[in-house]
Amino acid sequence: MTKKVNIQTFGCQMNEYDSEKMAEILKQQNYVYTDQTEDADLILLNTCSVRDKAEQKVYSMLGRLKMLKEKHPGLIIGVGGCVAQQEGETILKRAKSVDMVFGTDNLFDLPEMLEQVRQGKRVLRTERKEYKQKVRNFIPETLFHSPPGPQFKSHISITKGCNNFCTFCIVPVTRGLEVSREPENIIEEARKLVAEGIVEICLLGQNVNSYKANGVDFVELLRQLDALPGLSRLRFISPHPKDFQEDLARAFVELPSLCEHMHLPIQSGSDKILKSMRRHYTLEEFMEKVHLLRSHLPEAAISTDLIVGFPGETDEDFQCSVKAMELARFDQVYSFKYSPRPGTPAATFDEQVPEEVKNERLRIVLELHEKIIGEKYQSMIGTTQEVLLEGFHPKFSQCPTGKTRGNHSIMIEDSTGKPGDILNVIITEAKLYSLVGKPF
């Protein structure tokens, strides 16, 4: 008998990828996906603990699902992901409507856990799978398929876990130490995705460019993927600045499918704060990486992550971050107020910054970014950009929207293109956070 599953995903691209794999596992168990929680026989929350708001959203959602389960007693509710790995039994105690809690290493055990729930048990499975080697195929080949429905973009996880232990980050605890997949396993997944119509693949890893397995490093893996017939675009996220070297900068020029965009997290512009964060580079060293990329590829788009209000951040430290933004002129800045995560060293640091100070610093960052991106977008008017169409504008339903190779959002006027098409577009107008263009 066919049943329906609804998966709610919180957090990063890695969580989205894990949710896709959950959907594939459940498809083999005769579940079909539904967007409507009211129709679901099974609801899974795939959680994130990197930022405080994501965790709050999970508990808020569980409160709403409790009422739904009272109306539909047969509904099964599960919580997976990073919050599940970290909180474990606490979730079962706090939310009586939850039937199973499973960690980041346990999502492939879903069929067994569901069978235990049907037997009347509440399931807790957060045991860490200990990898005795740094190379392992942690994605079964039976799950090498694109997500349900018409798709043209997909993710591939090439590493899991992290060895960096940044003081603000809980990932080494929730996802374990770094393990790389065997390159043959990755290439085979990519080949099957392309055969199903995927034209853009984004490689995922907490420290994606430290990948190394069976004598294949990250750049060589990019070369092997670039050689796959039918793959038009290749991206990756997130690299660590300390592992970005000239061979990767050259790859942006040499590999046709590798998009001219890199997400390079800076986190802070202050050397003092970077040291406290345990980031393993200075502002000068970070800027050397920026110059390295742009010396090979002047048109490269660079996005970043920036934390304001990290413990001990003074006005002088914050001004260093402002300086870094002015120097690097990022194409996108994902800026966040620091929030202490339980289990991280930074949560215990003295000199926690007041919330009102964080708010003001975030406002300054956002305003500066608007100025920089406005100038960048104005300079792009009249240029021709390759655009992958991804959907349609919510207000102008006849206008397709998509992303340039530099990952800039764009709306296309006077186009009959459909999602999945790749067009050459001339930029005609610059909005605050997006571009407008027409087919060239």
Protein backbone atom coordinates (compact mmCIF):
# COMPACT_ATOMS: atom_id res chain seq x y z
CA MET A 1 0.00 0.00 0.00
CA THR A 2 1.36 3.42 -0.99
CA LYS A 3 1.89 5.90 1.84
CA LYS A 4 2.80 9.59 1.85
CA VAL A 5 5.83 11.27 3.43
CA ASN A 6 6.49 14.95 4.09
CA ILE A 7 10.08 16.03 4.81
CA GLN A 8 10.76 19.43 6.37
CA THR A 9 14.39 20.51 5.91
CA PHE A 10 16.16 23.07 8.08
CA GLY A 11 19.67 24.42 7.58
CA CYS A 12 22.35 23.94 4.95
CA GLN A 13 22.72 22.27 1.55
CA MET A 14 24.09 19.17 3.28
CA ASN A 15 20.75 18.80 5.06
CA GLU A 16 18.92 19.25 1.75
CA TYR A 17 21.05 16.50 0.27
CA ASP A 18 20.34 14.21 3.22
CA SER A 19 16.60 14.88 2.79
CA GLU A 20 16.85 13.85 -0.87
CA LYS A 21 18.45 10.58 0.21
CA MET A 22 15.71 10.03 2.81
CA ALA A 23 13.12 10.49 0.08
CA GLU A 24 14.91 7.91 -2.08
CA ILE A 25 15.08 5.39 0.78
CA LEU A 26 11.38 5.84 1.50
CA LYS A 27 10.46 5.58 -2.18
CA GLN A 28 11.82 2.05 -2.02
CA GLN A 29 9.46 1.51 0.96
CA ASN A 30 6.40 2.55 -1.13
CA TYR A 31 6.26 6.13 0.14
CA VAL A 32 5.45 8.99 -2.21
CA TYR A 33 6.34 12.59 -1.39
CA THR A 34 3.73 15.18 -0.46
CA ASP A 35 4.10 18.90 0.26
CA GLN A 36 1.05 18.82 2.55
CA THR A 37 1.59 17.78 6.17
CA GLU A 38 -2.16 17.14 6.50
CA ASP A 39 -1.96 14.38 3.89
CA ALA A 40 1.16 12.68 5.25
CA ASP A 41 1.42 9.29 6.94
CA LEU A 42 5.01 10.10 7.89
CA ILE A 43 6.55 13.49 8.68
CA LEU A 44 10.32 13.88 9.06
CA LEU A 45 12.07 16.99 10.33
CA ASN A 46 15.67 17.14 9.12
CA THR A 47 17.25 19.55 11.56
CA CYS A 48 20.16 21.98 11.85
CA SER A 49 21.96 23.19 14.97
CA VAL A 50 24.43 25.59 13.37
CA ARG A 51 22.29 28.63 14.15
CA ASP A 52 19.84 29.17 16.97
CA LYS A 53 16.81 30.10 14.88
CA ALA A 54 16.85 26.82 12.95
CA GLU A 55 16.66 24.87 16.21
CA GLN A 56 13.81 27.06 17.48
CA LYS A 57 11.89 26.44 14.26
CA VAL A 58 12.11 22.69 14.83
CA TYR A 59 10.53 22.82 18.29
CA SER A 60 7.90 25.25 17.04
CA MET A 61 7.06 22.85 14.21
CA LEU A 62 6.83 19.93 16.63
CA GLY A 63 4.29 21.90 18.64
CA ARG A 64 2.08 22.29 15.56
CA LEU A 65 2.53 18.66 14.57
CA LYS A 66 1.35 17.52 18.00
CA MET A 67 -2.10 18.91 17.21
CA LEU A 68 -2.06 17.23 13.80
CA LYS A 69 -1.20 13.89 15.38
CA GLU A 70 -4.09 14.23 17.81
CA LYS A 71 -6.39 14.34 14.77
CA HIS A 72 -4.53 11.52 12.98
CA PRO A 73 -3.19 9.06 15.60
CA GLY A 74 -1.57 6.87 12.93
CA LEU A 75 0.76 9.67 11.86
CA ILE A 76 4.47 8.88 12.43
CA ILE A 77 6.76 11.79 13.31
CA GLY A 78 10.54 11.56 13.16
CA VAL A 79 13.35 14.04 13.88
CA GLY A 80 16.72 13.62 12.21
CA GLY A 81 19.80 15.69 11.45
CA CYS A 82 22.11 17.73 13.63
CA VAL A 83 19.69 18.72 16.41
CA ALA A 84 18.66 15.07 16.69
CA GLN A 85 22.32 14.02 16.90
CA GLN A 86 23.00 16.60 19.58
CA GLU A 87 19.83 16.44 21.67
CA GLY A 88 18.91 12.79 21.24
CA GLU A 89 16.71 11.52 24.08
CA THR A 90 15.87 15.10 25.15
CA ILE A 91 13.65 15.43 22.07
CA LEU A 92 11.73 12.26 22.97
CA LYS A 93 11.19 13.58 26.49
CA ARG A 94 10.28 17.10 25.42
CA ALA A 95 8.00 16.17 22.49
CA LYS A 96 5.82 13.15 23.30
CA SER A 97 4.38 13.15 19.78
CA VAL A 98 7.77 12.22 18.30
CA ASP A 99 8.09 8.53 17.42
CA MET A 100 11.74 8.38 16.42
CA VAL A 101 14.92 10.41 16.68
CA PHE A 102 17.89 9.59 14.46
CA GLY A 103 21.30 11.18 13.98
CA THR A 104 23.31 12.19 10.94
CA ASP A 105 24.91 8.73 10.56
CA ASN A 106 21.62 6.86 10.88
CA LEU A 107 19.34 8.07 8.09
CA PHE A 108 20.01 4.92 6.05
CA ASP A 109 18.42 2.90 8.88
CA LEU A 110 14.99 4.46 8.23
CA PRO A 111 13.25 1.22 7.11
CA GLU A 112 14.31 -0.62 10.27
CA MET A 113 13.33 2.31 12.51
CA LEU A 114 9.90 2.58 10.89
CA GLU A 115 9.28 -1.11 11.46
CA GLN A 116 10.11 -0.66 15.16
CA VAL A 117 7.68 2.28 15.39
CA ARG A 118 4.92 0.17 13.82
CA GLN A 119 5.58 -2.37 16.59
CA GLY A 120 4.71 0.31 19.13
CA LYS A 121 8.24 1.42 20.07
CA ARG A 122 9.70 4.92 20.31
CA VAL A 123 13.08 4.80 18.61
CA LEU A 124 16.32 6.58 19.48
CA ARG A 125 19.23 5.97 17.13
CA THR A 126 22.08 8.46 17.35
CA GLU A 127 25.07 6.16 17.63
CA ARG A 128 28.06 7.36 15.64
CA LYS A 129 29.33 5.04 12.92
CA GLU A 130 33.05 4.89 13.59
CA TYR A 131 35.05 5.05 10.39
CA LYS A 132 38.45 3.42 10.85
CA GLN A 133 39.72 4.96 7.63
CA LYS A 134 39.44 8.43 6.12
CA VAL A 135 38.05 7.08 2.84
CA ARG A 136 34.65 5.42 2.72
CA ASN A 137 31.59 5.15 0.47
CA PHE A 138 28.94 6.51 2.81
CA ILE A 139 26.24 6.86 0.11
CA PRO A 140 24.82 3.51 -1.11
CA GLU A 141 24.71 3.16 -4.89
CA THR A 142 21.00 2.29 -4.68
CA LEU A 143 20.39 5.98 -3.91
CA PHE A 144 22.10 7.42 -7.01
CA HIS A 145 19.01 9.18 -8.34
CA SER A 146 17.83 12.74 -8.74
CA PRO A 147 15.05 14.05 -6.46
CA PRO A 148 11.42 13.37 -7.47
CA GLY A 149 9.82 15.57 -10.12
CA PRO A 150 11.41 17.51 -12.99
CA GLN A 151 14.96 18.35 -11.92
CA PHE A 152 18.00 19.86 -13.60
CA LYS A 153 20.21 20.66 -10.58
CA SER A 154 21.50 18.33 -7.90
CA HIS A 155 23.97 18.06 -5.03
CA ILE A 156 26.58 15.40 -4.39
CA SER A 157 28.18 14.98 -0.99
CA ILE A 158 31.90 14.19 -1.38
CA THR A 159 32.95 14.46 2.28
CA LYS A 160 31.18 14.26 5.60
CA GLY A 161 32.30 15.71 8.91
CA CYS A 162 35.08 18.20 9.59
CA ASN A 163 38.51 18.30 11.25
CA ASN A 164 38.84 22.06 11.69
CA PHE A 165 37.06 22.51 15.06
CA CYS A 166 36.27 26.21 14.64
CA THR A 167 35.29 27.41 18.09
CA PHE A 168 31.81 28.57 17.01
CA CYS A 169 30.87 25.42 15.07
CA ILE A 170 29.19 22.23 16.27
CA VAL A 171 29.70 20.23 13.02
CA PRO A 172 32.58 18.01 14.25
CA VAL A 173 30.27 16.94 17.08
CA THR A 174 27.07 16.46 15.06
CA ARG A 175 28.64 15.03 11.88
CA GLY A 176 31.95 13.62 13.15
CA LEU A 177 35.46 13.84 11.76
CA GLU A 178 36.09 14.24 8.05
CA VAL A 179 35.65 11.23 5.78
CA SER A 180 36.05 11.37 1.98
CA ARG A 181 34.09 9.24 -0.47
CA GLU A 182 35.93 7.10 -2.98
CA PRO A 183 36.17 9.03 -6.27
CA GLU A 184 34.71 6.14 -8.29
CA ASN A 185 31.61 6.26 -6.10
CA ILE A 186 31.22 10.01 -6.66
CA ILE A 187 31.76 9.79 -10.43
CA GLU A 188 29.20 7.00 -10.73
CA GLU A 189 26.59 9.06 -8.85
CA ALA A 190 27.30 12.07 -11.07
CA ARG A 191 27.09 9.94 -14.22
CA LYS A 192 23.66 8.60 -13.25
CA LEU A 193 22.39 12.07 -12.36
CA VAL A 194 23.47 13.46 -15.74
CA ALA A 195 21.78 10.51 -17.46
CA GLU A 196 18.55 11.52 -15.70
CA GLY A 197 18.77 15.07 -17.07
CA ILE A 198 20.78 16.90 -14.42
CA VAL A 199 22.81 19.72 -16.03
CA GLU A 200 24.30 21.32 -12.88
CA ILE A 201 25.94 19.54 -9.95
CA CYS A 202 27.11 21.17 -6.72
CA LEU A 203 29.66 19.26 -4.62
CA LEU A 204 29.11 19.42 -0.88
CA GLY A 205 31.40 19.14 2.12
CA GLN A 206 32.03 21.00 5.35
CA ASN A 207 35.59 21.53 4.06
CA VAL A 208 35.06 20.46 0.47
CA ASN A 209 38.49 21.37 -0.91
CA SER A 210 40.35 19.19 1.61
CA TYR A 211 38.93 16.16 -0.21
CA LYS A 212 41.46 13.37 -0.81
CA ALA A 213 40.74 9.72 -1.52
CA ASN A 214 42.67 6.92 -3.23
CA GLY A 215 45.28 9.32 -4.58
CA VAL A 216 42.69 11.72 -6.00
CA ASP A 217 42.64 15.24 -4.57
CA PHE A 218 39.91 17.85 -4.94
CA VAL A 219 41.19 19.42 -8.18
CA GLU A 220 41.66 16.03 -9.83
CA LEU A 221 38.09 15.11 -8.80
CA LEU A 222 36.86 18.32 -10.46
CA ARG A 223 38.75 17.35 -13.63
CA GLN A 224 37.14 13.91 -13.72
CA LEU A 225 33.66 15.38 -13.22
CA ASP A 226 34.26 18.05 -15.85
CA ALA A 227 35.00 15.28 -18.37
CA LEU A 228 31.49 13.78 -17.99
CA PRO A 229 29.50 14.28 -21.23
CA GLY A 230 26.31 16.28 -20.65
CA LEU A 231 27.39 18.07 -17.45
CA SER A 232 27.06 21.80 -18.21
CA ARG A 233 27.76 23.31 -14.81
CA LEU A 234 29.85 22.31 -11.80
CA ARG A 235 29.94 24.12 -8.44
CA PHE A 236 31.14 23.36 -4.91
CA ILE A 237 30.52 24.56 -1.36
CA SER A 238 32.10 25.27 1.09
CA PRO A 239 35.87 25.46 0.70
CA HIS A 240 38.16 26.54 3.52
CA PRO A 241 40.51 29.44 2.71
CA LYS A 242 43.51 27.64 4.22
CA ASP A 243 43.16 24.84 1.64
CA PHE A 244 42.67 27.07 -1.41
CA GLN A 245 45.82 26.91 -3.56
CA GLU A 246 46.87 27.88 -7.09
CA ASP A 247 45.90 24.56 -8.67
CA LEU A 248 42.26 25.26 -7.76
CA ALA A 249 42.50 28.82 -9.09
CA ARG A 250 43.80 27.42 -12.39
CA ALA A 251 40.96 24.92 -12.52
CA PHE A 252 38.44 27.76 -12.80
CA VAL A 253 40.11 28.73 -16.08
CA GLU A 254 40.86 25.25 -17.41
CA LEU A 255 37.59 23.39 -16.72
CA PRO A 256 34.68 24.52 -18.93
CA SER A 257 31.92 23.29 -16.62
CA LEU A 258 33.33 24.87 -13.44
CA CYS A 259 31.26 28.00 -12.80
CA GLU A 260 33.06 31.30 -12.19
CA HIS A 261 31.86 31.57 -8.61
CA MET A 262 33.38 30.52 -5.31
CA HIS A 263 31.98 30.73 -1.82
CA LEU A 264 34.96 31.57 0.42
CA PRO A 265 33.93 32.09 4.07
CA ILE A 266 35.90 34.82 5.83
CA GLN A 267 33.85 34.88 9.10
CA SER A 268 35.72 37.97 10.41
CA GLY A 269 38.21 40.56 9.21
CA SER A 270 39.97 40.83 12.56
CA ASP A 271 43.11 38.74 13.05
CA LYS A 272 42.40 38.61 16.77
CA ILE A 273 38.89 37.26 16.24
CA LEU A 274 40.01 34.87 13.50
CA LYS A 275 42.52 33.39 15.94
CA SER A 276 39.83 33.12 18.61
CA MET A 277 37.59 31.40 16.05
CA ARG A 278 40.44 29.00 15.21
CA ARG A 279 40.25 29.79 11.50
CA HIS A 280 43.96 29.27 10.70
CA TYR A 281 44.47 32.39 8.55
CA THR A 282 44.85 36.16 8.88
CA LEU A 283 43.05 38.85 6.91
CA GLU A 284 46.18 39.34 4.81
CA GLU A 285 46.34 35.63 4.02
CA PHE A 286 42.63 35.58 3.17
CA MET A 287 43.04 38.51 0.78
CA GLU A 288 45.96 36.69 -0.87
CA LYS A 289 43.48 33.91 -1.71
CA VAL A 290 41.04 36.45 -3.17
CA HIS A 291 43.79 38.00 -5.29
CA LEU A 292 44.97 34.52 -6.34
CA LEU A 293 41.55 33.67 -7.78
CA ARG A 294 41.00 37.05 -9.42
CA SER A 295 44.51 37.07 -10.92
CA HIS A 296 43.54 33.93 -12.85
CA LEU A 297 39.88 34.86 -13.32
CA PRO A 298 39.21 38.62 -13.01
CA GLU A 299 35.46 38.17 -13.45
CA ALA A 300 35.19 35.62 -10.64
CA ALA A 301 32.24 36.13 -8.30
CA ILE A 302 33.07 35.54 -4.65
CA SER A 303 30.53 35.11 -1.87
CA THR A 304 31.28 34.74 1.83
CA ASP A 305 30.00 34.15 5.36
CA LEU A 306 30.53 36.84 7.99
CA ILE A 307 29.77 36.68 11.71
CA VAL A 308 29.26 39.87 13.70
CA GLY A 309 29.34 40.07 17.47
CA PHE A 310 31.64 37.10 18.11
CA PRO A 311 32.76 37.04 21.78
CA GLY A 312 35.41 39.69 22.39
CA GLU A 313 34.71 41.57 19.14
CA THR A 314 35.45 45.25 19.82
CA ASP A 315 34.49 48.20 17.62
CA GLU A 316 38.04 48.06 16.23
CA ASP A 317 37.66 44.36 15.40
CA PHE A 318 34.35 45.04 13.68
CA GLN A 319 35.91 47.81 11.60
CA CYS A 320 38.42 45.22 10.37
CA SER A 321 35.46 43.22 9.00
CA VAL A 322 34.14 46.37 7.32
CA LYS A 323 37.58 46.89 5.80
CA ALA A 324 37.62 43.30 4.57
CA MET A 325 34.29 43.80 2.79
CA GLU A 326 35.60 46.95 1.13
CA LEU A 327 38.78 45.19 0.02
CA ALA A 328 37.23 41.96 -1.23
CA ARG A 329 34.02 43.49 -2.67
CA PHE A 330 32.09 40.27 -2.26
CA ASP A 331 29.25 39.47 -4.65
CA GLN A 332 27.19 38.07 -1.81
CA VAL A 333 27.60 38.26 1.97
CA TYR A 334 25.72 35.85 4.20
CA SER A 335 25.99 37.79 7.44
CA PHE A 336 24.88 36.50 10.82
CA LYS A 337 24.78 37.65 14.41
CA TYR A 338 26.84 35.30 16.56
CA SER A 339 24.67 32.96 18.63
CA PRO A 340 26.29 30.56 21.11
CA ARG A 341 25.78 26.90 20.28
CA PRO A 342 25.80 24.42 23.18
CA GLY A 343 28.90 22.25 23.12
CA THR A 344 31.13 24.76 21.32
CA PRO A 345 34.12 26.46 23.01
CA ALA A 346 32.92 29.94 21.99
CA ALA A 347 29.73 29.50 23.98
CA THR A 348 31.84 29.62 27.16
CA PHE A 349 34.03 32.58 26.13
CA ASP A 350 33.99 35.75 28.20
CA GLU A 351 33.06 39.12 26.69
CA GLN A 352 29.85 38.04 25.00
CA VAL A 353 28.67 40.97 22.87
CA PRO A 354 25.29 42.60 23.77
CA GLU A 355 22.43 41.90 21.39
CA GLU A 356 21.86 45.56 20.56
CA VAL A 357 25.51 45.90 19.50
CA LYS A 358 25.17 42.84 17.25
CA ASN A 359 22.05 44.33 15.68
CA GLU A 360 23.79 47.60 14.87
CA ARG A 361 26.84 45.88 13.41
CA LEU A 362 24.64 43.65 11.27
CA ARG A 363 22.80 46.72 9.98
CA ILE A 364 26.11 48.33 8.95
CA VAL A 365 27.22 45.15 7.16
CA LEU A 366 23.94 44.87 5.25
CA GLU A 367 24.04 48.52 4.17
CA LEU A 368 27.64 48.25 2.99
CA HIS A 369 26.88 45.08 1.07
CA GLU A 370 23.91 46.75 -0.65
CA LYS A 371 26.23 49.56 -1.77
CA ILE A 372 28.89 47.18 -3.10
CA ILE A 373 26.51 44.82 -4.89
CA GLY A 374 24.64 47.81 -6.33
CA GLU A 375 27.86 49.06 -7.90
CA LYS A 376 28.71 45.59 -9.18
CA TYR A 377 25.29 45.10 -10.75
CA GLN A 378 25.41 48.50 -12.43
CA SER A 379 28.74 47.54 -14.01
CA MET A 380 27.16 44.36 -15.42
CA ILE A 381 24.54 46.23 -17.47
CA GLY A 382 25.22 45.60 -21.15
CA THR A 383 27.20 42.41 -20.55
CA THR A 384 26.11 39.00 -21.78
CA GLN A 385 25.66 36.26 -19.19
CA GLU A 386 24.92 32.56 -19.47
CA VAL A 387 21.81 31.80 -17.38
CA LEU A 388 20.33 28.51 -16.21
CA LEU A 389 16.56 28.98 -15.90
CA GLU A 390 15.21 27.71 -12.57
CA GLY A 391 11.59 28.89 -12.41
CA PHE A 392 9.32 31.88 -12.91
CA HIS A 393 9.05 35.23 -11.16
CA PRO A 394 6.35 35.21 -8.41
CA LYS A 395 4.92 38.56 -9.57
CA PHE A 396 5.58 38.30 -13.31
CA SER A 397 4.58 34.73 -14.09
CA GLN A 398 5.61 34.96 -17.75
CA CYS A 399 9.19 35.92 -16.88
CA PRO A 400 11.64 33.07 -16.21
CA THR A 401 14.21 33.47 -13.45
CA GLY A 402 17.57 31.83 -13.04
CA LYS A 403 21.21 32.08 -12.06
CA THR A 404 24.25 33.27 -13.97
CA ARG A 405 27.44 31.23 -13.83
CA GLY A 406 28.52 33.76 -11.18
CA ASN A 407 25.46 32.71 -9.13
CA HIS A 408 23.68 36.05 -9.57
CA SER A 409 19.88 35.96 -9.61
CA ILE A 410 18.23 37.29 -12.77
CA MET A 411 14.75 37.77 -14.24
CA ILE A 412 14.47 37.42 -18.02
CA GLU A 413 11.95 39.44 -20.01
CA ASP A 414 10.61 38.52 -23.46
CA SER A 415 11.62 34.89 -23.13
CA THR A 416 9.76 31.67 -23.84
CA GLY A 417 12.41 29.64 -22.00
CA LYS A 418 11.49 27.01 -19.44
CA PRO A 419 13.23 25.73 -16.29
CA GLY A 420 16.30 23.73 -17.21
CA ASP A 421 17.11 25.76 -20.32
CA ILE A 422 20.47 27.53 -20.58
CA LEU A 423 20.29 30.91 -22.34
CA ASN A 424 22.64 33.72 -23.21
CA VAL A 425 21.13 36.87 -21.72
CA ILE A 426 22.09 40.53 -22.04
CA ILE A 427 21.75 42.48 -18.79
CA THR A 428 19.42 45.45 -19.16
CA GLU A 429 18.71 46.55 -15.59
CA ALA A 430 20.04 46.22 -12.03
CA LYS A 431 17.74 45.76 -9.05
CA LEU A 432 18.78 45.77 -5.38
CA TYR A 433 19.66 42.08 -5.15
CA SER A 434 19.03 40.84 -8.68
CA LEU A 435 19.44 41.56 -12.37
CA VAL A 436 17.04 41.93 -15.29
CA GLY A 437 17.88 40.81 -18.80
CA LYS A 438 16.66 39.76 -22.24
CA PRO A 439 17.68 36.84 -24.45
CA PHE A 440 20.74 37.74 -26.49
